[in-house]
Structures are given as C-alpha cells and as structure tokens.
N, C-alpha and C. Protein backbone atom coordinates (compact mmCIF):
# COMPACT_ATOMS: atom_id res chain seq x y z
N UNK A 1 83.88 117.51 68.45
CA UNK A 1 84.13 118.44 69.37
C UNK A 1 85.21 117.87 70.39
N UNK A 2 86.11 118.76 70.83
CA UNK A 2 87.26 118.38 71.71
C UNK A 2 87.45 119.36 72.84
N UNK A 3 87.80 118.93 73.92
CA UNK A 3 88.02 119.81 75.14
C UNK A 3 89.49 119.39 75.67
N UNK A 4 90.33 120.37 75.88
CA UNK A 4 91.59 120.21 76.63
C UNK A 4 91.63 120.95 77.85
N UNK A 5 91.59 120.25 79.03
CA UNK A 5 91.49 120.77 80.38
C UNK A 5 92.92 120.74 80.99
N UNK A 6 93.50 121.90 81.29
CA UNK A 6 94.83 122.03 81.96
C UNK A 6 94.72 121.37 83.38
N UNK A 7 95.66 120.55 83.72
CA UNK A 7 95.72 119.87 84.97
C UNK A 7 96.73 120.56 85.98
N UNK A 8 96.24 120.67 87.20
CA UNK A 8 97.15 121.14 88.22
C UNK A 8 98.20 120.10 88.55
N UNK A 9 99.50 120.56 88.69
CA UNK A 9 100.54 119.63 88.96
C UNK A 9 101.50 119.48 87.78
N UNK A 10 102.57 118.68 87.97
CA UNK A 10 103.58 118.49 86.99
C UNK A 10 103.79 116.98 86.71
N UNK A 11 104.25 116.77 85.47
CA UNK A 11 104.63 115.34 85.20
C UNK A 11 105.68 114.78 86.09
N UNK A 12 106.64 115.63 86.34
CA UNK A 12 107.90 115.26 87.18
C UNK A 12 107.94 116.21 88.27
N UNK A 13 107.90 115.75 89.54
CA UNK A 13 107.91 116.51 90.73
C UNK A 13 109.35 116.65 91.04
N UNK A 14 109.68 117.92 91.65
CA UNK A 14 111.18 118.19 92.01
C UNK A 14 111.56 117.32 93.01
N UNK A 15 110.71 116.73 94.01
CA UNK A 15 111.28 115.89 95.03
C UNK A 15 111.56 114.51 94.43
N UNK A 16 110.95 114.18 93.41
CA UNK A 16 111.35 112.82 92.69
C UNK A 16 112.74 112.96 92.05
N UNK A 17 112.99 114.10 91.44
CA UNK A 17 114.25 114.36 90.80
C UNK A 17 115.35 114.24 91.88
N UNK A 18 115.03 115.00 92.97
CA UNK A 18 115.95 115.14 94.12
C UNK A 18 116.33 113.76 94.75
N UNK A 19 115.31 112.92 94.89
CA UNK A 19 115.39 111.65 95.53
C UNK A 19 116.35 110.71 94.77
N UNK A 20 116.31 110.79 93.41
CA UNK A 20 117.17 109.89 92.60
C UNK A 20 118.62 110.48 92.69
N UNK A 21 118.82 111.73 92.68
CA UNK A 21 120.16 112.32 92.87
C UNK A 21 120.81 111.86 94.16
N UNK A 22 119.90 111.96 95.27
CA UNK A 22 120.50 111.61 96.59
C UNK A 22 120.84 110.00 96.58
N UNK A 23 120.00 109.24 95.99
CA UNK A 23 120.28 107.79 95.97
C UNK A 23 121.57 107.51 95.21
N UNK A 24 121.76 108.18 94.13
CA UNK A 24 123.00 107.95 93.38
C UNK A 24 124.17 108.41 94.28
N UNK A 25 123.98 109.56 94.92
CA UNK A 25 125.12 110.09 95.85
C UNK A 25 125.43 109.13 96.81
N UNK A 26 124.51 108.43 97.56
CA UNK A 26 124.76 107.58 98.57
C UNK A 26 125.35 106.28 98.04
N UNK A 27 124.86 105.80 96.88
CA UNK A 27 125.43 104.61 96.27
C UNK A 27 126.86 104.86 95.90
N UNK A 28 127.25 106.08 95.38
CA UNK A 28 128.63 106.30 94.97
C UNK A 28 129.47 106.37 96.22
N UNK A 29 129.01 107.09 97.29
CA UNK A 29 129.82 107.30 98.44
C UNK A 29 130.06 105.88 99.13
N UNK A 30 128.99 105.01 99.27
CA UNK A 30 129.20 103.73 99.87
C UNK A 30 130.15 102.85 99.02
N UNK A 31 129.99 102.86 97.71
CA UNK A 31 130.88 101.98 96.90
C UNK A 31 132.38 102.56 96.88
N UNK A 32 132.46 103.82 96.70
CA UNK A 32 133.79 104.40 96.77
C UNK A 32 134.53 104.10 98.09
N UNK A 33 133.87 104.29 99.21
CA UNK A 33 134.50 104.00 100.39
C UNK A 33 134.89 102.51 100.65
N UNK A 34 134.07 101.53 100.16
CA UNK A 34 134.39 100.22 100.27
C UNK A 34 135.57 99.89 99.44
N UNK A 35 135.63 100.44 98.21
CA UNK A 35 136.84 100.15 97.32
C UNK A 35 138.10 100.74 97.92
N UNK A 36 138.03 101.93 98.52
CA UNK A 36 139.17 102.58 99.08
C UNK A 36 139.79 101.69 100.28
N UNK A 37 138.79 101.17 101.13
CA UNK A 37 139.26 100.51 102.26
C UNK A 37 139.67 99.09 101.99
N UNK A 38 138.86 98.40 101.12
CA UNK A 38 139.10 96.87 100.98
C UNK A 38 139.75 96.47 99.69
N UNK A 39 139.76 97.43 98.63
CA UNK A 39 140.42 96.93 97.36
C UNK A 39 141.74 97.70 97.17
N UNK A 40 142.81 96.95 97.24
CA UNK A 40 144.14 97.58 97.16
C UNK A 40 144.64 97.74 95.76
N UNK A 41 143.91 97.21 94.86
CA UNK A 41 144.32 97.30 93.42
C UNK A 41 143.88 98.61 92.69
N UNK A 42 142.68 99.13 93.06
CA UNK A 42 142.19 100.37 92.43
C UNK A 42 141.71 101.35 93.43
N UNK A 43 142.56 101.75 94.50
CA UNK A 43 142.14 102.66 95.43
C UNK A 43 141.92 104.04 94.87
N UNK A 44 142.59 104.53 93.98
CA UNK A 44 142.40 105.85 93.38
C UNK A 44 141.02 105.84 92.62
N UNK A 45 140.69 104.84 91.97
CA UNK A 45 139.35 104.74 91.30
C UNK A 45 138.19 104.87 92.33
N UNK A 46 138.38 104.11 93.42
CA UNK A 46 137.41 104.20 94.49
C UNK A 46 137.38 105.59 95.14
N UNK A 47 138.52 106.30 95.29
CA UNK A 47 138.62 107.59 95.74
C UNK A 47 137.83 108.57 94.86
N UNK A 48 138.00 108.38 93.56
CA UNK A 48 137.28 109.30 92.55
C UNK A 48 135.74 109.12 92.72
N UNK A 49 135.33 107.85 92.93
CA UNK A 49 133.91 107.63 93.03
C UNK A 49 133.42 108.16 94.37
N UNK A 50 134.18 108.05 95.40
CA UNK A 50 133.83 108.64 96.75
C UNK A 50 133.63 110.14 96.64
N UNK A 51 134.62 110.76 95.98
CA UNK A 51 134.63 112.28 95.88
C UNK A 51 133.38 112.70 94.98
N UNK A 52 133.05 111.90 93.97
CA UNK A 52 131.90 112.19 93.13
C UNK A 52 130.64 112.07 93.85
N UNK A 53 130.59 111.13 94.75
CA UNK A 53 129.48 110.84 95.54
C UNK A 53 129.22 112.00 96.57
N UNK A 54 130.31 112.41 97.22
CA UNK A 54 130.10 113.44 98.26
C UNK A 54 129.77 114.77 97.50
N UNK A 55 130.46 115.03 96.41
CA UNK A 55 130.15 116.28 95.58
C UNK A 55 128.66 116.30 95.23
N UNK A 56 128.22 115.20 94.72
CA UNK A 56 126.79 115.10 94.23
C UNK A 56 125.83 115.33 95.50
N UNK A 57 126.19 114.71 96.55
CA UNK A 57 125.30 114.85 97.83
C UNK A 57 125.26 116.36 98.20
N UNK A 58 126.42 116.97 98.28
CA UNK A 58 126.50 118.39 98.70
C UNK A 58 125.72 119.38 97.72
N UNK A 59 125.85 119.02 96.53
CA UNK A 59 125.20 119.90 95.42
C UNK A 59 123.64 119.75 95.53
N UNK A 60 123.30 118.38 95.70
CA UNK A 60 121.84 118.05 95.83
C UNK A 60 121.27 118.78 97.03
N UNK A 61 121.96 118.85 98.12
CA UNK A 61 121.37 119.34 99.32
C UNK A 61 121.37 120.92 99.34
N UNK A 62 122.59 121.53 98.90
CA UNK A 62 122.77 122.98 99.12
C UNK A 62 122.48 123.69 97.77
N UNK A 63 122.40 122.97 96.61
CA UNK A 63 122.15 123.74 95.36
C UNK A 63 121.03 122.97 94.68
N UNK A 64 119.96 122.66 95.47
CA UNK A 64 118.79 121.86 94.91
C UNK A 64 118.06 122.63 93.77
N UNK A 65 117.80 123.86 93.94
CA UNK A 65 117.10 124.55 92.77
C UNK A 65 117.83 124.52 91.55
N UNK A 66 119.16 124.58 91.62
CA UNK A 66 119.97 124.53 90.44
C UNK A 66 119.94 123.13 89.87
N UNK A 67 120.07 122.08 90.63
CA UNK A 67 120.29 120.76 90.16
C UNK A 67 118.98 120.21 89.51
N UNK A 68 117.92 120.68 90.00
CA UNK A 68 116.60 120.13 89.49
C UNK A 68 116.08 120.96 88.20
N UNK A 69 116.88 121.96 87.81
CA UNK A 69 116.71 122.63 86.64
C UNK A 69 116.92 121.78 85.43
N UNK A 70 116.16 121.98 84.33
CA UNK A 70 116.15 121.03 83.24
C UNK A 70 117.56 120.84 82.58
N UNK A 71 118.35 121.90 82.42
CA UNK A 71 119.56 121.80 81.71
C UNK A 71 120.59 121.10 82.70
N UNK A 72 120.68 121.67 83.91
CA UNK A 72 121.68 121.11 84.88
C UNK A 72 121.37 119.69 85.28
N UNK A 73 120.06 119.39 85.37
CA UNK A 73 119.61 118.01 85.73
C UNK A 73 120.05 117.03 84.62
N UNK A 74 120.03 117.42 83.43
CA UNK A 74 120.26 116.46 82.35
C UNK A 74 121.79 116.19 82.40
N UNK A 75 122.65 117.22 82.58
CA UNK A 75 124.05 117.01 82.60
C UNK A 75 124.44 116.15 83.75
N UNK A 76 123.94 116.42 84.88
CA UNK A 76 124.19 115.54 86.11
C UNK A 76 123.76 114.22 85.90
N UNK A 77 122.57 113.94 85.30
CA UNK A 77 122.09 112.63 85.01
C UNK A 77 123.08 111.78 84.11
N UNK A 78 123.53 112.52 83.08
CA UNK A 78 124.52 111.78 82.23
C UNK A 78 125.81 111.45 82.99
N UNK A 79 126.28 112.37 83.86
CA UNK A 79 127.45 112.02 84.65
C UNK A 79 127.15 110.76 85.51
N UNK A 80 125.99 110.86 86.11
CA UNK A 80 125.57 109.73 86.98
C UNK A 80 125.51 108.34 86.18
N UNK A 81 125.00 108.39 84.98
CA UNK A 81 124.95 107.33 84.14
C UNK A 81 126.18 106.80 83.84
N UNK A 82 127.15 107.54 83.48
CA UNK A 82 128.57 107.15 83.17
C UNK A 82 129.22 106.50 84.33
N UNK A 83 129.02 107.01 85.57
CA UNK A 83 129.66 106.45 86.85
C UNK A 83 129.03 105.19 87.13
N UNK A 84 127.63 105.18 87.15
CA UNK A 84 126.87 103.92 87.50
C UNK A 84 127.17 102.76 86.50
N UNK A 85 127.23 103.20 85.18
CA UNK A 85 127.44 102.22 84.15
C UNK A 85 128.81 101.56 84.23
N UNK A 86 129.75 102.44 84.63
CA UNK A 86 131.21 101.96 84.81
C UNK A 86 131.27 100.98 85.98
N UNK A 87 130.60 101.40 87.10
CA UNK A 87 130.67 100.39 88.28
C UNK A 87 130.00 99.23 87.93
N UNK A 88 128.87 99.21 87.15
CA UNK A 88 128.15 98.00 86.94
C UNK A 88 129.07 97.07 85.93
N UNK A 89 129.71 97.66 84.95
CA UNK A 89 130.65 96.95 84.07
C UNK A 89 131.77 96.31 84.95
N UNK A 90 132.29 97.06 85.78
CA UNK A 90 133.40 96.54 86.61
C UNK A 90 132.87 95.39 87.48
N UNK A 91 131.76 95.53 88.05
CA UNK A 91 131.18 94.49 88.90
C UNK A 91 130.90 93.20 87.99
N UNK A 92 130.50 93.33 86.84
CA UNK A 92 130.32 92.10 86.05
C UNK A 92 131.69 91.50 85.72
N UNK A 93 132.69 92.29 85.40
CA UNK A 93 133.97 91.77 85.08
C UNK A 93 134.62 91.07 86.30
N UNK A 94 134.38 91.66 87.43
CA UNK A 94 134.94 91.05 88.72
C UNK A 94 134.09 90.02 89.37
N UNK A 95 132.80 89.93 88.92
CA UNK A 95 131.77 89.00 89.37
C UNK A 95 131.39 89.41 90.86
N UNK A 96 131.30 90.65 91.20
CA UNK A 96 130.85 91.17 92.42
C UNK A 96 129.24 91.14 92.30
N UNK A 97 128.71 90.14 92.93
CA UNK A 97 127.32 89.98 92.75
C UNK A 97 126.38 91.00 93.29
N UNK A 98 126.66 91.54 94.56
CA UNK A 98 125.89 92.51 95.11
C UNK A 98 125.87 93.82 94.29
N UNK A 99 127.08 94.41 94.12
CA UNK A 99 127.22 95.68 93.32
C UNK A 99 126.67 95.50 91.95
N UNK A 100 126.78 94.22 91.33
CA UNK A 100 126.31 93.96 90.03
C UNK A 100 124.72 94.24 89.99
N UNK A 101 124.09 93.79 90.92
CA UNK A 101 122.53 93.87 91.05
C UNK A 101 122.25 95.38 91.23
N UNK A 102 122.87 96.07 92.28
CA UNK A 102 122.53 97.40 92.58
C UNK A 102 122.76 98.35 91.45
N UNK A 103 123.95 98.32 90.76
CA UNK A 103 124.23 99.24 89.77
C UNK A 103 123.62 98.87 88.41
N UNK A 104 123.24 97.79 88.29
CA UNK A 104 122.45 97.46 87.04
C UNK A 104 121.03 98.07 87.06
N UNK A 105 120.40 97.93 88.34
CA UNK A 105 119.18 98.62 88.56
C UNK A 105 119.27 100.16 88.53
N UNK A 106 120.32 100.68 89.15
CA UNK A 106 120.63 102.08 89.17
C UNK A 106 120.73 102.66 87.71
N UNK A 107 121.61 101.99 87.01
CA UNK A 107 121.80 102.37 85.61
C UNK A 107 120.48 102.49 84.79
N UNK A 108 119.67 101.38 84.94
CA UNK A 108 118.32 101.44 84.20
C UNK A 108 117.53 102.42 84.76
N UNK A 109 117.48 102.76 86.09
CA UNK A 109 116.69 103.91 86.66
C UNK A 109 117.11 105.30 86.10
N UNK A 110 118.35 105.47 85.96
CA UNK A 110 118.91 106.70 85.41
C UNK A 110 118.59 106.83 83.93
N UNK A 111 118.61 105.78 83.20
CA UNK A 111 118.26 105.80 81.83
C UNK A 111 116.77 106.21 81.61
N UNK A 112 115.94 105.56 82.55
CA UNK A 112 114.55 105.88 82.51
C UNK A 112 114.30 107.32 82.83
N UNK A 113 115.00 107.82 83.81
CA UNK A 113 114.82 109.24 84.36
C UNK A 113 115.22 110.14 83.14
N UNK A 114 116.17 109.78 82.39
CA UNK A 114 116.60 110.75 81.23
C UNK A 114 115.45 110.88 80.23
N UNK A 115 114.69 109.82 80.08
CA UNK A 115 113.49 109.81 79.16
C UNK A 115 112.27 110.48 79.88
N UNK A 116 112.03 110.12 81.09
CA UNK A 116 110.87 110.64 81.77
C UNK A 116 111.01 112.13 82.08
N UNK A 117 112.16 112.66 82.45
CA UNK A 117 112.39 114.02 82.79
C UNK A 117 112.52 114.96 81.68
N UNK A 118 112.56 114.56 80.47
CA UNK A 118 112.78 115.40 79.31
C UNK A 118 111.62 116.33 79.11
N UNK A 119 110.37 115.96 79.56
CA UNK A 119 109.26 116.94 79.49
C UNK A 119 108.83 117.62 80.76
N UNK A 120 109.90 117.61 81.69
CA UNK A 120 109.62 118.10 83.00
C UNK A 120 109.22 119.70 82.75
N UNK A 121 108.22 120.08 83.54
CA UNK A 121 107.77 121.58 83.50
C UNK A 121 106.59 121.78 82.45
N UNK A 122 106.37 120.75 81.53
CA UNK A 122 105.31 120.96 80.63
C UNK A 122 103.91 120.82 81.27
N UNK A 123 103.01 121.64 80.72
CA UNK A 123 101.61 121.60 81.25
C UNK A 123 100.94 120.27 80.84
N UNK A 124 100.29 119.69 81.77
CA UNK A 124 99.57 118.42 81.50
C UNK A 124 98.05 118.70 81.20
N UNK A 125 97.44 117.90 80.44
CA UNK A 125 96.06 118.18 80.01
C UNK A 125 95.24 116.87 80.09
N UNK A 126 93.94 117.01 80.24
CA UNK A 126 93.00 116.01 80.03
C UNK A 126 92.43 116.32 78.76
N UNK A 127 92.47 115.33 77.79
CA UNK A 127 91.91 115.58 76.44
C UNK A 127 90.62 114.77 76.35
N UNK A 128 89.55 115.45 75.99
CA UNK A 128 88.32 114.80 75.87
C UNK A 128 87.73 114.98 74.47
N UNK A 129 87.42 113.90 73.79
CA UNK A 129 86.97 114.01 72.45
C UNK A 129 85.83 112.85 72.24
N UNK A 130 85.54 112.73 70.98
CA UNK A 130 84.49 111.64 70.80
C UNK A 130 84.80 110.23 70.94
N UNK A 131 86.13 109.97 71.10
CA UNK A 131 86.62 108.58 71.45
C UNK A 131 86.52 108.24 72.93
N UNK A 132 86.76 109.34 73.69
CA UNK A 132 86.70 109.10 75.22
C UNK A 132 87.56 110.18 75.92
N UNK A 133 88.02 109.85 77.14
CA UNK A 133 88.71 110.72 78.03
C UNK A 133 90.19 110.16 77.99
N UNK A 134 90.98 111.10 77.63
CA UNK A 134 92.49 110.84 77.55
C UNK A 134 93.03 111.47 78.83
N UNK A 135 93.44 110.72 79.82
CA UNK A 135 93.96 111.24 80.98
C UNK A 135 95.42 111.52 80.97
N UNK A 136 95.99 112.42 81.85
CA UNK A 136 97.38 112.66 81.73
C UNK A 136 98.31 111.55 82.00
N UNK A 137 99.55 111.63 81.79
CA UNK A 137 100.53 110.58 81.92
C UNK A 137 100.68 110.22 83.45
N UNK A 138 100.34 111.10 84.30
CA UNK A 138 100.46 110.71 85.74
C UNK A 138 99.24 109.91 86.34
N UNK A 139 98.21 109.80 85.48
CA UNK A 139 97.04 109.01 85.95
C UNK A 139 97.35 107.53 85.85
N UNK A 140 96.67 106.79 86.76
CA UNK A 140 96.83 105.26 86.69
C UNK A 140 96.21 104.65 85.50
N UNK A 141 95.29 105.37 84.87
CA UNK A 141 94.73 104.88 83.53
C UNK A 141 94.68 106.03 82.61
N UNK A 142 95.27 105.75 81.53
CA UNK A 142 95.60 106.75 80.44
C UNK A 142 94.36 107.02 79.53
N UNK A 143 93.50 105.98 79.19
CA UNK A 143 92.42 106.36 78.34
C UNK A 143 91.11 105.52 78.83
N UNK A 144 90.06 106.35 78.80
CA UNK A 144 88.80 105.70 79.21
C UNK A 144 87.73 105.93 78.09
N UNK A 145 87.41 104.86 77.45
CA UNK A 145 86.30 104.97 76.45
C UNK A 145 84.96 105.31 77.04
N UNK A 146 84.23 105.93 76.10
CA UNK A 146 82.85 106.39 76.54
C UNK A 146 81.99 105.12 76.97
N UNK A 147 82.21 104.07 76.34
CA UNK A 147 81.37 102.87 76.71
C UNK A 147 81.70 102.36 78.10
N UNK A 148 82.84 102.89 78.69
CA UNK A 148 83.09 102.49 80.12
C UNK A 148 82.61 103.44 81.16
N UNK A 149 82.14 104.65 80.64
CA UNK A 149 81.81 105.76 81.47
C UNK A 149 80.28 105.85 81.78
N UNK A 150 80.00 106.13 83.05
CA UNK A 150 78.61 106.41 83.48
C UNK A 150 78.25 107.89 83.53
N UNK A 151 79.30 108.67 83.94
CA UNK A 151 79.14 110.15 84.11
C UNK A 151 80.40 110.83 84.19
N UNK A 152 80.51 112.16 83.61
CA UNK A 152 81.68 112.91 83.67
C UNK A 152 81.16 114.30 84.14
N UNK A 153 81.81 114.81 85.27
CA UNK A 153 81.40 116.02 85.92
C UNK A 153 82.63 116.93 86.04
N UNK A 154 82.37 118.24 85.82
CA UNK A 154 83.48 119.18 86.15
C UNK A 154 82.83 120.20 86.96
N UNK A 155 83.26 120.08 88.24
CA UNK A 155 82.63 121.00 89.28
C UNK A 155 83.75 121.48 90.24
N UNK A 156 83.85 122.74 90.51
CA UNK A 156 84.71 123.43 91.49
C UNK A 156 86.18 123.02 91.27
N UNK A 157 86.56 123.03 89.98
CA UNK A 157 87.97 122.75 89.70
C UNK A 157 88.33 121.25 89.72
N UNK A 158 87.45 120.36 89.83
CA UNK A 158 87.77 119.02 89.88
C UNK A 158 86.98 118.26 88.71
N UNK A 159 87.65 117.52 87.91
CA UNK A 159 87.02 116.70 86.85
C UNK A 159 86.85 115.23 87.49
N UNK A 160 85.69 114.77 87.35
CA UNK A 160 85.31 113.47 87.91
C UNK A 160 84.83 112.56 86.82
N UNK A 161 85.43 111.37 86.68
CA UNK A 161 85.02 110.43 85.70
C UNK A 161 84.60 109.20 86.39
N UNK A 162 83.24 108.96 86.38
CA UNK A 162 82.66 107.88 87.12
C UNK A 162 82.37 106.76 86.13
N UNK A 163 83.03 105.65 86.35
CA UNK A 163 83.05 104.53 85.42
C UNK A 163 81.97 103.44 85.82
N UNK A 164 81.64 102.67 84.94
CA UNK A 164 80.63 101.63 85.20
C UNK A 164 81.11 100.48 86.11
N UNK A 165 82.32 100.42 86.24
CA UNK A 165 82.83 99.32 87.24
C UNK A 165 83.09 99.85 88.54
N UNK A 166 82.39 100.95 88.88
CA UNK A 166 82.47 101.62 90.18
C UNK A 166 83.81 102.24 90.53
N UNK A 167 84.68 102.52 89.47
CA UNK A 167 85.87 103.20 89.67
C UNK A 167 85.67 104.69 89.45
N UNK A 168 86.32 105.46 90.21
CA UNK A 168 86.11 106.93 90.05
C UNK A 168 87.52 107.56 89.91
N UNK A 169 87.64 108.19 88.76
CA UNK A 169 88.89 109.00 88.49
C UNK A 169 88.73 110.48 88.63
N UNK A 170 89.50 111.17 89.47
CA UNK A 170 89.43 112.55 89.69
C UNK A 170 90.70 113.25 89.44
N UNK A 171 90.63 114.36 88.80
CA UNK A 171 91.78 115.20 88.44
C UNK A 171 91.51 116.65 88.81
N UNK A 172 92.46 117.30 89.42
CA UNK A 172 92.25 118.76 89.71
C UNK A 172 92.59 119.67 88.39
N UNK A 173 91.71 120.34 88.01
CA UNK A 173 91.79 121.12 86.83
C UNK A 173 92.27 122.60 87.22
N UNK A 174 93.27 123.08 86.40
CA UNK A 174 93.94 124.32 86.88
C UNK A 174 93.03 125.61 86.46
N UNK A 175 92.05 125.40 85.69
CA UNK A 175 91.31 126.47 85.19
C UNK A 175 91.07 126.33 83.60
N UNK A 176 89.92 126.49 83.19
CA UNK A 176 89.65 126.21 81.78
C UNK A 176 88.65 127.29 81.19
N UNK A 177 88.84 127.44 79.97
CA UNK A 177 87.95 128.50 79.20
C UNK A 177 86.70 127.69 78.73
N UNK A 178 86.61 126.44 78.82
CA UNK A 178 85.53 125.65 78.24
C UNK A 178 84.25 126.01 78.91
N UNK A 179 83.20 126.16 78.04
CA UNK A 179 81.89 126.48 78.50
C UNK A 179 81.38 125.29 79.30
N UNK A 180 80.91 125.52 80.47
CA UNK A 180 80.57 124.40 81.33
C UNK A 180 79.27 123.73 80.88
N UNK A 181 78.35 124.48 80.39
CA UNK A 181 77.10 123.93 79.82
C UNK A 181 77.35 123.12 78.55
N UNK A 182 78.19 123.61 77.75
CA UNK A 182 78.45 122.89 76.42
C UNK A 182 79.29 121.65 76.80
N UNK A 183 80.18 121.75 77.78
CA UNK A 183 80.89 120.60 78.20
C UNK A 183 80.06 119.50 78.80
N UNK A 184 79.16 119.86 79.61
CA UNK A 184 78.24 118.85 80.25
C UNK A 184 77.43 118.19 79.22
N UNK A 185 76.79 118.91 78.34
CA UNK A 185 75.97 118.40 77.31
C UNK A 185 76.73 117.51 76.29
N UNK A 186 77.89 117.86 76.07
CA UNK A 186 78.71 116.96 75.25
C UNK A 186 78.96 115.66 75.85
N UNK A 187 79.38 115.61 77.17
CA UNK A 187 79.66 114.41 77.93
C UNK A 187 78.45 113.56 78.00
N UNK A 188 77.35 114.17 78.31
CA UNK A 188 76.07 113.38 78.44
C UNK A 188 75.65 112.70 77.17
N UNK A 189 75.81 113.53 76.04
CA UNK A 189 75.44 113.01 74.71
C UNK A 189 76.41 111.80 74.34
N UNK A 190 77.67 111.89 74.64
CA UNK A 190 78.55 110.83 74.28
C UNK A 190 78.29 109.58 75.13
N UNK A 191 78.04 109.79 76.42
CA UNK A 191 77.63 108.61 77.29
C UNK A 191 76.41 107.91 76.63
N UNK A 192 75.41 108.71 76.37
CA UNK A 192 74.18 108.10 75.85
C UNK A 192 74.45 107.48 74.50
N UNK A 193 75.30 108.02 73.57
CA UNK A 193 75.52 107.49 72.36
C UNK A 193 76.33 106.21 72.36
N UNK A 194 77.02 105.87 73.42
CA UNK A 194 77.83 104.74 73.55
C UNK A 194 77.25 103.61 74.40
N UNK A 195 76.02 103.80 74.82
CA UNK A 195 75.40 102.83 75.70
C UNK A 195 75.34 101.38 75.11
N UNK A 196 75.01 101.38 73.71
CA UNK A 196 74.90 100.16 73.08
C UNK A 196 76.27 99.35 72.90
N UNK A 197 77.42 100.07 73.14
CA UNK A 197 78.67 99.43 73.03
C UNK A 197 79.23 98.86 74.40
N UNK A 198 78.46 99.05 75.42
CA UNK A 198 78.77 98.63 76.74
C UNK A 198 78.71 97.02 76.77
N UNK A 199 79.69 96.37 77.51
CA UNK A 199 79.56 94.90 77.72
C UNK A 199 78.31 94.53 78.54
N UNK A 200 77.91 93.38 78.39
CA UNK A 200 76.74 92.98 79.10
C UNK A 200 76.88 92.87 80.58
N UNK A 201 78.12 92.67 81.04
CA UNK A 201 78.36 92.58 82.40
C UNK A 201 78.45 94.05 83.11
N UNK A 202 78.32 95.02 82.29
CA UNK A 202 78.47 96.38 82.81
C UNK A 202 77.06 97.02 83.10
N UNK A 203 76.03 96.33 82.64
CA UNK A 203 74.65 96.77 82.80
C UNK A 203 74.25 96.69 84.18
C-alpha cells in the first residue's frame, strides 16, 4: 500500500530566484564600475558588464513576475552564467584574487540554480509506503525508515512524523483523498511490524 500526500508550498520559492538575480546584478554593477574607473586596458568590457548589471537590476525590480517565470528565468540564468564565467576566467588570467573567489562561487551558484530551478512550480509530495516515509526535497531529512518512527499522524492538514530519537518532522498537506482511517491503520501496522528492526539504543 502507498500514499502520496500533496504538500503545501513549492520546491523553489520566487523570492529565492529573485535574490540570486539581484546578487548577480549587484556583482556585475560593482565589477563593471571598478573596471571602468581603474582599468584603462578594458574599459569598454567593464562598461558592458556595468550596463548588463544595471539592466538585470531594473528587470528584476520592475519585471519580477516575468523574470521568475520558468522560460525567462532560464534564459537570464544562462546569460548570468556566461558573464560570471567570463569574469572568473579573466580574474584567473590576471590573478585578481578577490574577484577570482567571488565569481568562482557565483558561477557555481548559478550552475546549481539551473539544476535546482528546472522543476520549479511542480507539486511536492510526501510518499509513504512499506519502506518508510519519503519526505519532499525541501525537508531536512529525505527518508525516514519505519524502524526510526514512533508515530505518524495526519490531523488538520498537518502530517507529523514522531521519531524515536525525539525528532519531530511536520509538513503542511495541501489536501488529500486518502482515507484517514485506512492511513492511520497502515502507519500503526508498519510501526508495529518494524519494532524488531530498531537499534537497541532506541528502546
């Protein structure tokens, strides 16, 4: 028997997407301004970065709904990656230590965001089966085996998983068609069936 409980909330929150866009914009503006003022060899390159940063900042502030959309966000992320990667490469070539560290981290963050944000907007679920409780990706623990669980309760739209180590995991459930009595009986039976698998220090 298996249960899939839809979870309230999203894997990727719009404010998280916005925050990284703003961080990129500020990094580009700062770097571009410094290059324009202090580097006489590549002022046009610095000017281009400065303009890109200001443009990104304005779009993020005034066209936020558009930029956090899945298609637009991915295009902007790729542009950010190209700019940040180029600055990181130049920093390594010129041995600019401070920009080297900042833009290496920023490039890595943008790469990770491209992976993490690909499933933005998808419904998250708690999956419960005979192996245990599979928590959504936003949870601090992804899988809890029945041998670790003392009690599972679904009441008033909140799923509570009470573990033997006194840790309590709670998730807001968006609404489920699962029969509450059938669900409760299944969880009780699985907890009872796995008691012999508990570690001695959990008794």
